Amino acid sequence: MEIEDLKNMLNDICNLGCGGLQGNTTPGVSQDVVLYQSIPNPTKGSATIGYLINIPFTSAAINISATNGSVVKEFKISQAGKGSIVFDAAQNGSGTYRYSLSIDGRLYDTKTLVITK
């Protein structure tokens, strides 16, 4: 499973701008909504989380949650397209956090962010 996670992480990084490796998409997976792996991960300071939303929507958000499920921070997204948010991880303790992209009440993807001190 670790190799597959590494492949997915590399694909996410490349989708954010690794020009020489573009075109590495997973067959059968829609590219209408994508939540990218945070960069850097792990982090001591801030982390950039990219997203792509190519569907019409009324409300969208990226929520960062602690392992107990409590929401640490919510970032509302107001426009479709490719974008990113910056999470100031320094404001939170060391540990593993999860971030999720929800659009119009539907959960599209969840990924992991590790904060080290």
Protein backbone atom coordinates (compact mmCIF):
# COMPACT_ATOMS: atom_id res chain seq x y z
CA MET A 1 0.00 0.00 0.00
CA GLU A 2 2.88 2.43 0.65
CA ILE A 3 4.05 2.28 -2.98
CA GLU A 4 0.55 3.12 -4.19
CA ASP A 5 0.41 6.06 -1.74
CA LEU A 6 3.75 7.31 -3.08
CA LYS A 7 2.51 7.03 -6.67
CA ASN A 8 -0.62 9.02 -5.77
CA MET A 9 1.45 11.67 -3.98
CA LEU A 10 3.82 12.02 -6.96
CA ASN A 11 0.84 12.32 -9.30
CA ASP A 12 -0.66 15.04 -7.09
CA ILE A 13 2.63 16.96 -6.98
CA CYS A 14 3.02 16.70 -10.74
CA ASN A 15 -0.50 18.02 -11.28
CA LEU A 16 0.53 21.14 -9.34
CA GLY A 17 3.33 21.95 -11.75
CA CYS A 18 5.87 19.22 -12.42
CA GLY A 19 5.85 19.91 -16.18
CA GLY A 20 8.05 17.05 -17.30
CA LEU A 21 5.73 14.44 -15.84
CA GLN A 22 2.36 15.87 -16.88
CA GLY A 23 -0.20 13.48 -18.29
CA ASN A 24 0.09 10.94 -15.49
CA THR A 25 -3.58 10.54 -14.72
CA THR A 26 -5.33 7.55 -13.28
CA PRO A 27 -7.49 5.85 -15.92
CA GLY A 28 -11.20 6.04 -15.19
CA VAL A 29 -10.84 8.79 -12.57
CA SER A 30 -12.69 12.02 -13.27
CA GLN A 31 -10.54 15.15 -13.34
CA ASP A 32 -13.57 17.37 -12.68
CA VAL A 33 -12.79 17.52 -8.96
CA VAL A 34 -9.28 16.96 -7.59
CA LEU A 35 -7.82 17.49 -4.13
CA TYR A 36 -4.03 17.56 -4.29
CA GLN A 37 -1.54 16.40 -1.68
CA SER A 38 -0.35 19.21 0.58
CA ILE A 39 3.11 20.62 -0.07
CA PRO A 40 5.29 20.20 1.91
CA ASN A 41 4.16 17.14 3.81
CA PRO A 42 5.27 16.75 6.54
CA THR A 43 5.52 20.41 7.48
CA LYS A 44 6.66 22.53 10.40
CA GLY A 45 5.21 25.81 9.11
CA SER A 46 2.62 26.33 6.43
CA ALA A 47 1.35 23.89 3.82
CA THR A 48 -0.22 24.65 0.45
CA ILE A 49 -3.21 22.53 -0.51
CA GLY A 50 -4.23 22.66 -4.15
CA TYR A 51 -7.58 21.81 -5.65
CA LEU A 52 -9.36 21.71 -8.99
CA ILE A 53 -13.13 22.10 -9.32
CA ASN A 54 -14.53 21.92 -12.85
CA ILE A 55 -18.18 21.46 -11.97
CA PRO A 56 -20.84 24.06 -11.11
CA PHE A 57 -21.44 24.41 -7.37
CA THR A 58 -23.19 26.51 -4.77
CA SER A 59 -20.83 25.90 -1.84
CA ALA A 60 -17.43 24.27 -1.48
CA ALA A 61 -14.89 24.04 1.32
CA ILE A 62 -11.69 22.39 2.45
CA ASN A 63 -11.87 21.36 6.10
CA ILE A 64 -8.79 20.48 8.15
CA SER A 65 -9.57 18.07 11.00
CA ALA A 66 -7.68 16.62 13.95
CA THR A 67 -7.57 12.86 14.45
CA ASN A 68 -10.59 13.07 16.78
CA GLY A 69 -12.65 14.50 13.90
CA SER A 70 -12.94 18.05 15.21
CA VAL A 71 -12.58 20.71 12.51
CA VAL A 72 -9.46 22.82 13.11
CA LYS A 73 -9.93 25.19 10.16
CA GLU A 74 -12.39 25.65 7.30
CA PHE A 75 -11.50 27.31 4.02
CA LYS A 76 -14.50 28.31 1.89
CA ILE A 77 -14.02 28.14 -1.88
CA SER A 78 -16.04 30.61 -3.92
CA GLN A 79 -14.89 30.04 -7.52
CA ALA A 80 -14.51 27.04 -9.78
CA GLY A 81 -11.18 26.23 -11.41
CA LYS A 82 -7.72 25.50 -10.12
CA GLY A 83 -6.71 27.09 -6.85
CA SER A 84 -4.98 26.58 -3.55
CA ILE A 85 -5.23 27.49 0.10
CA VAL A 86 -2.41 27.95 2.61
CA PHE A 87 -2.81 26.28 6.00
CA ASP A 88 -0.70 27.77 8.80
CA ALA A 89 0.27 24.51 10.46
CA ALA A 90 2.44 26.32 13.03
CA GLN A 91 -0.77 27.25 14.89
CA ASN A 92 -1.44 23.55 15.62
CA GLY A 93 0.32 20.82 17.56
CA SER A 94 2.37 18.00 16.09
CA GLY A 95 0.39 15.13 14.70
CA THR A 96 -1.55 13.78 11.79
CA TYR A 97 -4.39 15.85 10.37
CA ARG A 98 -6.86 15.08 7.61
CA TYR A 99 -8.16 17.57 5.07
CA SER A 100 -11.27 17.06 2.98
CA LEU A 101 -12.86 18.72 -0.03
CA SER A 102 -16.65 18.95 0.11
CA ILE A 103 -18.85 20.42 -2.59
CA ASP A 104 -22.56 21.08 -2.05
CA GLY A 105 -22.57 18.75 0.95
CA ARG A 106 -20.84 15.86 -0.85
CA LEU A 107 -17.41 14.68 0.30
CA TYR A 108 -15.14 14.29 -2.73
CA ASP A 109 -11.74 13.40 -1.25
CA THR A 110 -9.73 13.30 1.96
CA LYS A 111 -5.95 13.34 2.35
CA THR A 112 -3.48 13.39 5.24
CA LEU A 113 -1.19 16.17 6.45
CA VAL A 114 1.55 15.58 9.05
CA ILE A 115 2.71 18.44 11.26
CA THR A 116 6.09 18.13 13.00
CA LYS A 117 7.62 20.49 15.52
